[in-house]
């Protein structure tokens, strides 16, 4: 379960075209929601990447496409 995070006000200079594109792609209603979802996606991608690296390093995965000798 996620804990409620502290909300802070930020003043940023962002490219409007990127914000508009991200908003369409994410299907968000507000610019704030767009930025929050984009940040969540970045942190999620990092967690997934680290998890894959850990699994690959544990030798618990088998390469089913490797050529058999």
N, C-alpha and C. Protein backbone atom coordinates (compact mmCIF):
# COMPACT_ATOMS: atom_id res chain seq x y z
N UNK A 1 0.84 -1.18 0.00
CA UNK A 1 0.00 0.00 0.00
C UNK A 1 0.89 1.24 0.00
N UNK A 2 0.55 2.21 -0.84
CA UNK A 2 1.33 3.44 -0.91
C UNK A 2 0.96 4.37 0.21
N UNK A 3 1.96 5.04 0.74
CA UNK A 3 1.70 6.05 1.76
C UNK A 3 1.48 7.39 1.05
N UNK A 4 0.78 8.25 1.71
CA UNK A 4 0.48 9.55 1.13
C UNK A 4 1.74 10.42 1.18
N UNK A 5 2.19 10.84 0.03
CA UNK A 5 3.41 11.64 -0.07
C UNK A 5 3.10 13.12 0.16
N UNK A 6 4.10 13.82 0.61
CA UNK A 6 3.97 15.26 0.81
C UNK A 6 3.95 15.93 -0.55
N UNK A 7 3.06 16.87 -0.74
CA UNK A 7 2.93 17.59 -2.00
C UNK A 7 3.62 18.94 -1.84
N UNK A 8 4.44 19.29 -2.84
CA UNK A 8 5.14 20.58 -2.82
C UNK A 8 4.85 21.34 -4.10
N UNK A 9 4.93 22.64 -4.02
CA UNK A 9 4.72 23.49 -5.19
C UNK A 9 6.08 23.69 -5.87
N UNK A 10 6.09 23.57 -7.20
CA UNK A 10 7.31 23.76 -7.99
C UNK A 10 7.02 24.74 -9.12
N UNK A 11 8.01 25.51 -9.46
CA UNK A 11 7.90 26.42 -10.59
C UNK A 11 8.96 25.98 -11.60
N UNK A 12 8.50 25.39 -12.72
CA UNK A 12 9.43 24.85 -13.71
C UNK A 12 9.16 25.42 -15.08
N UNK A 13 10.21 25.45 -15.87
CA UNK A 13 10.09 25.82 -17.28
C UNK A 13 10.12 24.53 -18.07
N UNK A 14 9.00 24.19 -18.71
CA UNK A 14 8.87 22.96 -19.48
C UNK A 14 8.48 23.30 -20.90
N UNK A 15 8.90 22.45 -21.83
CA UNK A 15 8.48 22.61 -23.21
C UNK A 15 7.01 22.22 -23.33
N UNK A 16 6.19 23.15 -23.77
CA UNK A 16 4.75 22.92 -23.86
C UNK A 16 4.43 21.80 -24.83
N UNK A 17 5.19 21.69 -25.94
CA UNK A 17 4.90 20.63 -26.91
C UNK A 17 5.12 19.25 -26.30
N UNK A 18 6.15 19.09 -25.47
CA UNK A 18 6.39 17.80 -24.82
C UNK A 18 5.32 17.50 -23.77
N UNK A 19 4.93 18.52 -23.05
CA UNK A 19 3.88 18.35 -22.04
C UNK A 19 2.56 17.96 -22.71
N UNK A 20 2.22 18.61 -23.81
CA UNK A 20 0.99 18.29 -24.53
C UNK A 20 1.03 16.86 -25.08
N UNK A 21 2.18 16.48 -25.64
CA UNK A 21 2.31 15.13 -26.20
C UNK A 21 2.19 14.08 -25.10
N UNK A 22 2.89 14.29 -23.99
CA UNK A 22 2.82 13.35 -22.87
C UNK A 22 1.40 13.25 -22.34
N UNK A 23 0.72 14.37 -22.28
CA UNK A 23 -0.66 14.38 -21.78
C UNK A 23 -1.57 13.54 -22.67
N UNK A 24 -1.39 13.66 -23.97
CA UNK A 24 -2.20 12.85 -24.91
C UNK A 24 -1.85 11.36 -24.75
N UNK A 25 -0.57 11.06 -24.69
CA UNK A 25 -0.14 9.66 -24.59
C UNK A 25 -0.64 9.03 -23.30
N UNK A 26 -0.50 9.75 -22.19
CA UNK A 26 -0.88 9.22 -20.88
C UNK A 26 -2.38 9.29 -20.62
N UNK A 27 -3.07 10.12 -21.38
CA UNK A 27 -4.51 10.28 -21.17
C UNK A 27 -4.85 11.01 -19.88
N UNK A 28 -3.97 11.89 -19.46
CA UNK A 28 -4.20 12.63 -18.22
C UNK A 28 -5.01 13.89 -18.48
N UNK A 29 -5.63 14.39 -17.43
CA UNK A 29 -6.50 15.56 -17.57
C UNK A 29 -5.77 16.87 -17.29
N UNK A 30 -4.81 16.84 -16.38
CA UNK A 30 -4.12 18.08 -16.01
C UNK A 30 -2.63 17.95 -16.27
N UNK A 31 -1.97 19.10 -16.34
CA UNK A 31 -0.53 19.09 -16.52
C UNK A 31 0.18 18.51 -15.30
N UNK A 32 -0.33 18.79 -14.12
CA UNK A 32 0.26 18.24 -12.90
C UNK A 32 0.17 16.72 -12.91
N UNK A 33 -0.99 16.20 -13.27
CA UNK A 33 -1.17 14.75 -13.34
C UNK A 33 -0.22 14.15 -14.38
N UNK A 34 -0.01 14.85 -15.47
CA UNK A 34 0.90 14.39 -16.52
C UNK A 34 2.32 14.28 -16.00
N UNK A 35 2.80 15.31 -15.34
CA UNK A 35 4.16 15.30 -14.81
C UNK A 35 4.30 14.20 -13.75
N UNK A 36 3.31 14.07 -12.87
CA UNK A 36 3.38 13.03 -11.83
C UNK A 36 3.43 11.64 -12.44
N UNK A 37 2.59 11.36 -13.42
CA UNK A 37 2.60 10.03 -14.05
C UNK A 37 3.91 9.77 -14.77
N UNK A 38 4.44 10.79 -15.44
CA UNK A 38 5.72 10.63 -16.13
C UNK A 38 6.82 10.30 -15.14
N UNK A 39 6.83 10.97 -14.00
CA UNK A 39 7.84 10.69 -12.97
C UNK A 39 7.66 9.28 -12.40
N UNK A 40 6.42 8.87 -12.20
CA UNK A 40 6.17 7.51 -11.71
C UNK A 40 6.64 6.47 -12.71
N UNK A 41 6.45 6.73 -14.01
CA UNK A 41 6.91 5.79 -15.04
C UNK A 41 8.43 5.68 -15.04
N UNK A 42 9.13 6.78 -14.84
CA UNK A 42 10.59 6.75 -14.80
C UNK A 42 11.07 5.92 -13.62
N UNK A 43 10.47 6.12 -12.45
CA UNK A 43 10.91 5.36 -11.27
C UNK A 43 10.53 3.89 -11.40
N UNK A 44 9.38 3.59 -12.01
CA UNK A 44 8.96 2.21 -12.23
C UNK A 44 9.93 1.51 -13.18
N UNK A 45 10.30 2.20 -14.25
CA UNK A 45 11.24 1.62 -15.23
C UNK A 45 12.56 1.27 -14.56
N UNK A 46 13.03 2.13 -13.67
CA UNK A 46 14.28 1.87 -12.94
C UNK A 46 14.13 0.63 -12.06
N UNK A 47 13.01 0.50 -11.35
CA UNK A 47 12.78 -0.66 -10.49
C UNK A 47 12.74 -1.94 -11.31
N UNK A 48 12.06 -1.92 -12.45
CA UNK A 48 11.98 -3.10 -13.31
C UNK A 48 13.36 -3.47 -13.83
N UNK A 49 14.10 -2.48 -14.29
CA UNK A 49 15.44 -2.71 -14.81
C UNK A 49 16.35 -3.34 -13.76
N UNK A 50 16.30 -2.83 -12.55
CA UNK A 50 17.12 -3.38 -11.46
C UNK A 50 16.69 -4.81 -11.13
N UNK A 51 15.40 -5.07 -11.14
CA UNK A 51 14.89 -6.40 -10.86
C UNK A 51 15.33 -7.41 -11.91
N UNK A 52 15.29 -7.01 -13.16
CA UNK A 52 15.74 -7.90 -14.24
C UNK A 52 17.23 -8.19 -14.09
N UNK A 53 18.00 -7.17 -13.77
CA UNK A 53 19.45 -7.38 -13.57
C UNK A 53 19.72 -8.35 -12.44
N UNK A 54 18.97 -8.22 -11.35
CA UNK A 54 19.16 -9.14 -10.21
C UNK A 54 18.81 -10.57 -10.59
N UNK A 55 17.70 -10.74 -11.30
CA UNK A 55 17.28 -12.09 -11.71
C UNK A 55 18.30 -12.68 -12.68
N UNK A 56 18.74 -11.88 -13.64
CA UNK A 56 19.71 -12.37 -14.63
C UNK A 56 21.01 -12.77 -13.95
N UNK A 57 21.42 -12.03 -12.93
CA UNK A 57 22.66 -12.33 -12.22
C UNK A 57 22.54 -13.52 -11.30
N UNK A 58 21.33 -13.92 -10.98
CA UNK A 58 21.14 -15.04 -10.05
C UNK A 58 21.20 -16.40 -10.75
N UNK A 59 21.28 -16.39 -12.06
CA UNK A 59 21.32 -17.61 -12.87
C UNK A 59 20.04 -18.44 -12.74
N UNK A 60 18.95 -17.79 -12.32
CA UNK A 60 17.68 -18.49 -12.20
C UNK A 60 16.90 -18.48 -13.52
N UNK A 61 17.41 -17.74 -14.49
CA UNK A 61 16.78 -17.72 -15.80
C UNK A 61 17.55 -18.62 -16.75
N UNK A 62 16.83 -19.27 -17.63
CA UNK A 62 17.45 -20.14 -18.62
C UNK A 62 17.17 -19.56 -19.99
N UNK A 63 18.20 -19.47 -20.82
CA UNK A 63 18.05 -18.94 -22.18
C UNK A 63 17.45 -20.04 -23.06
N UNK A 64 16.16 -19.91 -23.35
CA UNK A 64 15.50 -20.95 -24.15
C UNK A 64 15.84 -20.84 -25.62
N UNK A 65 16.51 -19.76 -26.02
CA UNK A 65 16.88 -19.57 -27.41
C UNK A 65 18.35 -19.90 -27.68
N UNK A 66 19.07 -20.26 -26.65
CA UNK A 66 20.49 -20.59 -26.82
C UNK A 66 20.61 -21.86 -27.68
N UNK A 67 21.60 -21.86 -28.52
CA UNK A 67 21.83 -23.03 -29.36
C UNK A 67 22.36 -24.16 -28.50
N UNK A 68 21.80 -25.33 -28.70
CA UNK A 68 22.26 -26.50 -27.94
C UNK A 68 23.49 -27.07 -28.62
N UNK A 69 24.42 -27.50 -27.80
CA UNK A 69 25.67 -28.05 -28.34
C UNK A 69 25.49 -29.46 -28.82
